[in-house]
Amino acid sequence: MFFIVVFFTACYVEESSDLNTWNKEVPPKEVSASYDITTKKININWNYTIGATEYNVYRADEINVIYGFIGKASSTSYLDDNFEVEKIYHYKIEATNGEFKSPLSDKATVTYPKLEAPTGVLALYDDNKKAIDINWSSVDLADEYSVYRAYESDGSYSAIEKVSSASFSDNNIILGKTYYYKIEAINGELKSPLSTSTSVTYKELKAPTGVSASYNATTKQIDISWDPTNGATGYNAYRAHKLDGNYSSTWKVPSTSFSDSNITLGKIYHYKIEATRGDLESPLSTSTSAAYSFTNPGIYLSIIAFSENLTEKKFTRLYDESNDSFNSFIDERETEAGSSLYWAVDNAIMSIKNTAFPDYIDNISIVTFTDGLDISSLDASGYKHESNSDYLGALKIDINEIKVKDIPLSAYAIGLNGKDGADEEEFKKNLEVLSSGENNYTVEDVNDIEVIFKEIAKSLTKTSSSQSLALSVSLSSSGTKIRFTFDDANASESGQYIEATYERVGSGENMTHTLENITYNGLDCTSTSITGEGTGASKKYTFEDIKMEDGSDIDIDSIKLWSRSDSSSPWYKNDGFVPSRDSHVDVEKSSAAIVLVLDTGNFSANDFKIVQSSAKSFVETLLDGYNKSFPWYGKNVIELSSDSGDLKSGSIKAGETTWYKANISSNEDYNIGWRDSKDYYDLTAEIKVSAYKSSAEVLFEDKSSDSSIPAINLTEDDTIYIEVSENINNGNGTYIIGFK
């Protein structure tokens, strides 16, 4: 008997244990969604699911959170073209083999490429095109740009144009109006944030600069010239006989110079220039003056300046308040072999203890009008007297080492002493030293010099060469190149500029703004790094002790601001920088003196008494002639008093001409009027009133009605003189004149 034993082995086979077999429980993997900037569609991709023959695509967004079917795909990608750009969408994929469906995949959220806001936006007015050119740096992925414009910095910006390049010319502009621009980068329906704003003003012509006038002895004409004005096609020249007089148009000039032959000997002429372009006219330039005078050697008149940084003491002012006139101050003491010339300082010069000033130098050239500083506060080191040099009796001064603000050069330039034995030729050499400055005139006699003296005496203030320059700059991208130019040339052609790199470090209140790697061309300053101060979108940078390379003062009206992103980019001018608003110059105030030196001609050093007598006679004649130019000279002048508040008042006497004066205590506009003890009267033609400043500047003349008198601007320390004439037949005969 046989037994057959059969063993059964139970085997469990897991479904889809074969990797190539469909598994309905496994969803698609590695799902991604991104915006294709080329096709402008959302591209959804996922990994292949084994055994799947088709895929279903589902979508949801932030509002519709339930996933809805949007399409099928036979491959592992799907293009969604039915969407809103920059709206957030989520996608899930479902695999199917026709019979079974997998679970939904994990979600994939679409990502969009980001367009950056344009940078380096700069707007410049092109005078030739009469359009505003706007330029900016191109933005990656952008295929066009929208230009937005507003009329205020924080106003409403409206799109005015779409362009495909990084520039645009706006010719729809109005003269004198300021425009603000922002730029938006675009790719299809993708848009960047708006750029920061830039602004430019469609400006009028600027007033001509560099105006100068000089008498040409050969042609016997006055030659006037000036620098060209950008955008001008011609010029109008105006002339007046008084500095503050009526300037009338006399010439139409196509170029930047002309000659005036209609002149009279001994007269001074004042000129202003106006730039034109069609019907457009610029403001008038500042005035320049020239005199038709003799050119033979004779009397040298030199203007000198002193800085007010030496504040303690003052020169003795040549002014006698007792009779409202200017006097000469004469020291007639004799030296060892002769006598000193005139001087107009206090005795401090006699007490200077410095080996650079020998004891026997105790005189100064003739100073006839000054409001300067005490000599005792000046440092005399570095100046020496060389009695055996060609310039006998003069102080030898190295002009290359001395600045005008440090010492009144001309006031020291002649100090003849009899024991030097100076003869006529040597004395003339001293005069040449004095007359070598640029602010000098040469005239032949008193009649000529009176005219010049009177004009100069009206404005005896001259700025020193020490300046502090503050410039405000709108903030740019860190690393931006900044260039300030100080001439009329383009940035790349300028010979006078400050160049720096703008850098900012940190954030918020801790952010610092600096100008680094500063270079100067045509200017003199040692600062190499400057930190900006202030709040908001612009910072103020201050350059201390800066001046032009030739020592002249900086003219802020000529300053222009340029910028560029790097050294290979072109310079763009920023017309949003307004010199009068965004720049400021602090200068050390200076006062000036008129120094007169007489050519002694045939007199030797031992004839000082004769020289002194001649000089004294000349100075007194000159001063007397100048004093007589004041209408109130020699008259009884009544000081006005305050009777209430700011009202200055005094009595008018019937049938007389009366002079009044008052000192001004504050800067403001004043109105002049008159009344009796009760009411104001319009006295019509029975009274005439004239008013002048102490310099004899006319404020108004022969006004017969206080209603016809304009408000006049007076400043602190001004002195006003009022003349009242004609009969008073109205009222009780006693009237009050006043201003407030």
Foldseek 3Di string as FASTA:
>chain_A
DDDDDDDDDDDDDDPCPPVLDADQADFWADWAWEQDLVVRWIKIFTDDGRLFQKKWKWKAFPVRRDTDTDDIDRDGMDTHPPDDPPGKMKMWMWTHNVPGIYDTDDIYIYDYDAKAAWAPWFWDQDLVVQWIKIFTDDIPSFQKKWKWKDQDQPDDTDTDDIGRHRMDIGNPDDAFGKMKIWMWGDRPPHIYPIDRIAMFHNYAWAAWPPWEWEQDPVVRWIKIFTDDTPNFQWKWKWKDQAQPDDTDTDDIGRHGMDIGNPDDALGKMKMWMWGDDVPGIYDIDRIYMYHSFDDDFWKKKFKAKAFCVLPDFWFQFQADVVQLFGDFDADFDAAPQGGEAGDGGPQLVQVDDDPQDDNRQRYWFGFRGWTAGHPNSADPPPWHADCPDLQHQAIDDDPVVDFRHRDGRRRRGHRHHLVSFFFQNSPVVSVCVNRVDPRMDGHHALSNVLNVVLNCNLDFWDFGLWKKKKFKDFDRPFQKKKKKAQAPDDPVPGQFIKIFGWHWDDDDPPIWIKTACIDTGQKDADDHMWTFDDDDRMTMTMTGRMAGPVSHHGDLQRIWMWIDNDPVDDIHTRNVGGSVPGMDMDTRIMGMTIGMHGSPVRDTSSVNVVVNVVVNVRSVVSSVSSLVLAVCRPHDEAEFDDPDDQKTKDKDAFQDKYKYKYFDAAWDWKAKAKPAPPDGDQQAQQKFKWKAWSSRHTQDGGDRGSVPRDTDTDHHGIMMMMIMDHGRPDDDRIMMIIMD
